[in-house]
Amino acid sequence: MKKVILVFIFMLMPALFFAQSAFDKFDGKDGVTAVIVNKKMFELMSQVKMDDKNTETQQYLSLLKKLNNLKVFTTSNKKVITEMKSTVKTYLKKHPLEELMRINDSGKTIKIYVKSGSKSSQVLELLMFMDGGSDDTVLMTLTGNFDLSEISVLTDKMNLPGGIQLKEASKKS
């Protein structure tokens, strides 16, 4: 019996260590623009020597060290938008994140969710879904261990879709 359990555990290990995110299915899909930045890239970006002693630049470099993963998926394909909505809904049922803010403006709906750490301003995961109405729909997920107030620096430097809304969310926290 022990051998059967051990074999079963070894069979599951790759799935546990190399599990993909629920949103990875949008990577490479027709009609979807995907930007994926992994921890290694954040580490490399944070090690770049900059002569700029600007406080905002230093905050940006400090934040990069705290990030694990950034995924942004953008589409205007109606079928994919429906699939994104469904995937986000299912994900939120399995991984209960706290709604940080919701914006309804001119046919656009923007929802931002977070998984907080030990402090209320500490974020382990941030999920933003922007249903663009007639514009592009954007799904963004960011993982790491960072402070919500640091997000505005990231959105400014990386020019992220939905960055204005994230900046507003960080100000309200």
Protein backbone atom coordinates (compact mmCIF):
# COMPACT_ATOMS: atom_id res chain seq x y z
CA MET A 1 0.00 0.00 0.00
CA LYS A 2 2.86 2.39 0.81
CA LYS A 3 4.33 1.79 -2.64
CA VAL A 4 1.05 2.69 -4.31
CA ILE A 5 0.81 5.92 -2.32
CA LEU A 6 4.43 6.83 -3.13
CA VAL A 7 3.92 6.16 -6.84
CA PHE A 8 0.78 8.31 -6.77
CA ILE A 9 2.61 11.16 -5.03
CA PHE A 10 5.46 11.04 -7.55
CA MET A 11 2.96 11.11 -10.40
CA LEU A 12 1.34 14.25 -9.00
CA MET A 13 4.56 16.13 -8.21
CA PRO A 14 5.08 17.56 -11.72
CA ALA A 15 1.54 18.88 -11.73
CA LEU A 16 2.09 20.53 -8.37
CA PHE A 17 5.39 22.16 -9.26
CA PHE A 18 4.69 23.10 -12.86
CA ALA A 19 1.01 23.94 -12.63
CA GLN A 20 -0.16 26.61 -14.99
CA SER A 21 -2.39 29.50 -14.12
CA ALA A 22 -6.05 29.35 -15.07
CA PHE A 23 -5.36 32.20 -17.49
CA ASP A 24 -2.49 30.63 -19.43
CA LYS A 25 -4.96 29.19 -21.92
CA PHE A 26 -5.23 32.68 -23.43
CA ASP A 27 -1.51 32.74 -24.25
CA GLY A 28 -1.10 32.00 -27.95
CA LYS A 29 -4.83 32.12 -28.64
CA ASP A 30 -5.90 33.78 -31.91
CA GLY A 31 -7.07 37.34 -31.38
CA VAL A 32 -5.34 37.68 -27.99
CA THR A 33 -2.30 39.83 -27.30
CA ALA A 34 -0.38 38.37 -24.36
CA VAL A 35 2.39 39.92 -22.29
CA ILE A 36 3.94 37.59 -19.73
CA VAL A 37 6.79 38.63 -17.47
CA ASN A 38 8.23 36.01 -15.12
CA LYS A 39 10.23 36.34 -11.90
CA LYS A 40 13.57 35.92 -13.66
CA MET A 41 12.86 38.91 -15.88
CA PHE A 42 11.85 41.02 -12.88
CA GLU A 43 15.10 40.00 -11.17
CA LEU A 44 17.12 40.99 -14.23
CA MET A 45 15.27 44.30 -14.57
CA SER A 46 15.86 45.12 -10.90
CA GLN A 47 19.62 44.58 -11.31
CA VAL A 48 19.99 47.14 -14.09
CA LYS A 49 22.31 49.88 -12.93
CA MET A 50 20.65 53.26 -13.24
CA ASP A 51 22.31 56.56 -12.62
CA ASP A 52 18.89 57.99 -11.87
CA LYS A 53 18.68 58.60 -8.13
CA ASN A 54 15.06 59.70 -8.52
CA THR A 55 12.93 58.35 -5.66
CA GLU A 56 10.32 56.99 -8.08
CA THR A 57 12.96 55.09 -10.06
CA GLN A 58 14.39 53.61 -6.86
CA GLN A 59 10.87 52.58 -5.76
CA TYR A 60 10.36 50.91 -9.14
CA LEU A 61 13.59 48.92 -8.85
CA SER A 62 12.68 47.91 -5.30
CA LEU A 63 9.21 46.79 -6.40
CA LEU A 64 10.60 44.64 -9.23
CA LYS A 65 12.42 42.51 -6.65
CA LYS A 66 9.08 41.74 -4.98
CA LEU A 67 7.22 40.57 -8.09
CA ASN A 68 6.84 36.97 -9.25
CA ASN A 69 4.67 37.10 -12.32
CA LEU A 70 2.76 39.52 -14.55
CA LYS A 71 0.32 38.36 -17.19
CA VAL A 72 -1.69 40.69 -19.38
CA PHE A 73 -4.14 39.40 -22.00
CA THR A 74 -5.91 41.82 -24.34
CA THR A 75 -8.59 41.02 -26.91
CA SER A 76 -11.52 42.44 -28.85
CA ASN A 77 -12.72 39.00 -29.99
CA LYS A 78 -16.28 38.52 -28.61
CA LYS A 79 -15.90 34.75 -28.21
CA VAL A 80 -12.65 35.14 -26.26
CA ILE A 81 -14.16 37.92 -24.13
CA THR A 82 -16.98 35.58 -23.11
CA GLU A 83 -14.42 32.88 -22.29
CA MET A 84 -12.34 35.37 -20.26
CA LYS A 85 -15.40 36.43 -18.24
CA SER A 86 -16.22 32.80 -17.50
CA THR A 87 -12.62 31.98 -16.56
CA VAL A 88 -12.38 34.96 -14.20
CA LYS A 89 -15.70 34.00 -12.55
CA THR A 90 -14.54 30.39 -12.06
CA TYR A 91 -11.13 31.53 -10.79
CA LEU A 92 -12.72 33.84 -8.21
CA LYS A 93 -14.87 30.97 -6.91
CA LYS A 94 -11.81 28.75 -6.44
CA HIS A 95 -9.48 31.52 -5.22
CA PRO A 96 -11.56 34.00 -3.24
CA LEU A 97 -10.00 37.39 -3.77
CA GLU A 98 -11.29 40.56 -2.18
CA GLU A 99 -12.85 43.08 -4.53
CA LEU A 100 -10.81 46.24 -4.16
CA MET A 101 -12.78 48.44 -6.49
CA ARG A 102 -15.26 48.45 -9.36
CA ILE A 103 -15.66 51.16 -11.99
CA ASN A 104 -18.49 51.46 -14.50
CA ASP A 105 -17.85 54.20 -17.04
CA SER A 106 -19.17 54.68 -20.59
CA GLY A 107 -19.81 50.98 -21.20
CA LYS A 108 -16.54 49.87 -19.59
CA THR A 109 -16.52 47.78 -16.45
CA ILE A 110 -13.31 47.52 -14.49
CA LYS A 111 -12.96 45.23 -11.49
CA ILE A 112 -9.85 44.94 -9.36
CA TYR A 113 -9.39 42.12 -6.87
CA VAL A 114 -6.59 41.39 -4.42
CA LYS A 115 -5.36 38.65 -2.15
CA SER A 116 -3.93 40.43 0.87
CA GLY A 117 -0.97 39.37 2.92
CA SER A 118 -0.46 39.80 6.66
CA LYS A 119 -1.09 43.57 6.43
CA SER A 120 -4.12 44.98 4.65
CA SER A 121 -1.95 46.98 2.22
CA GLN A 122 0.27 43.97 1.44
CA VAL A 123 -0.73 42.25 -1.81
CA LEU A 124 0.14 38.68 -2.80
CA GLU A 125 -2.02 38.65 -5.91
CA LEU A 126 -3.78 41.33 -7.91
CA LEU A 127 -6.36 40.56 -10.59
CA MET A 128 -7.84 43.19 -12.87
CA PHE A 129 -10.54 42.52 -15.43
CA MET A 130 -11.49 45.38 -17.70
CA ASP A 131 -14.47 44.63 -19.94
CA GLY A 132 -13.90 47.28 -22.57
CA GLY A 133 -17.39 47.49 -24.02
CA SER A 134 -16.49 48.67 -27.53
CA ASP A 135 -12.76 48.85 -26.65
CA ASP A 136 -10.35 46.00 -25.93
CA THR A 137 -10.99 43.76 -22.95
CA VAL A 138 -8.01 43.33 -20.62
CA LEU A 139 -7.26 40.58 -18.11
CA MET A 140 -4.25 41.19 -15.90
CA THR A 141 -2.84 39.19 -13.03
CA LEU A 142 0.15 40.17 -10.91
CA THR A 143 1.68 38.02 -8.16
CA GLY A 144 4.39 38.70 -5.64
CA ASN A 145 4.62 40.24 -2.20
CA PHE A 146 4.29 43.99 -2.56
CA ASP A 147 2.49 46.97 -1.12
CA LEU A 148 -0.54 48.28 -2.98
CA SER A 149 0.83 51.82 -2.84
CA GLU A 150 3.75 50.70 -5.03
CA ILE A 151 1.50 49.79 -7.95
CA SER A 152 1.34 53.32 -9.35
CA VAL A 153 5.10 53.26 -9.93
CA LEU A 154 4.80 49.99 -11.86
CA THR A 155 1.93 51.21 -14.03
CA ASP A 156 3.79 54.42 -14.90
CA LYS A 157 7.06 52.69 -15.83
CA MET A 158 5.56 49.72 -17.71
CA ASN A 159 2.63 51.60 -19.31
CA LEU A 160 0.18 48.81 -18.46
CA PRO A 161 -3.35 48.68 -19.87
CA GLY A 162 -5.68 49.73 -17.05
CA GLY A 163 -2.80 51.50 -15.34
CA ILE A 164 -4.86 54.60 -14.61
CA GLN A 165 -7.44 52.49 -12.76
CA LEU A 166 -4.74 50.66 -10.81
CA LYS A 167 -3.21 53.97 -9.85
CA GLU A 168 -6.59 55.16 -8.54
CA ALA A 169 -7.00 51.91 -6.58
CA SER A 170 -3.62 52.35 -4.92
CA LYS A 171 -4.51 55.92 -3.91
CA LYS A 172 -7.78 54.78 -2.32
CA SER A 173 -6.19 52.03 -0.24
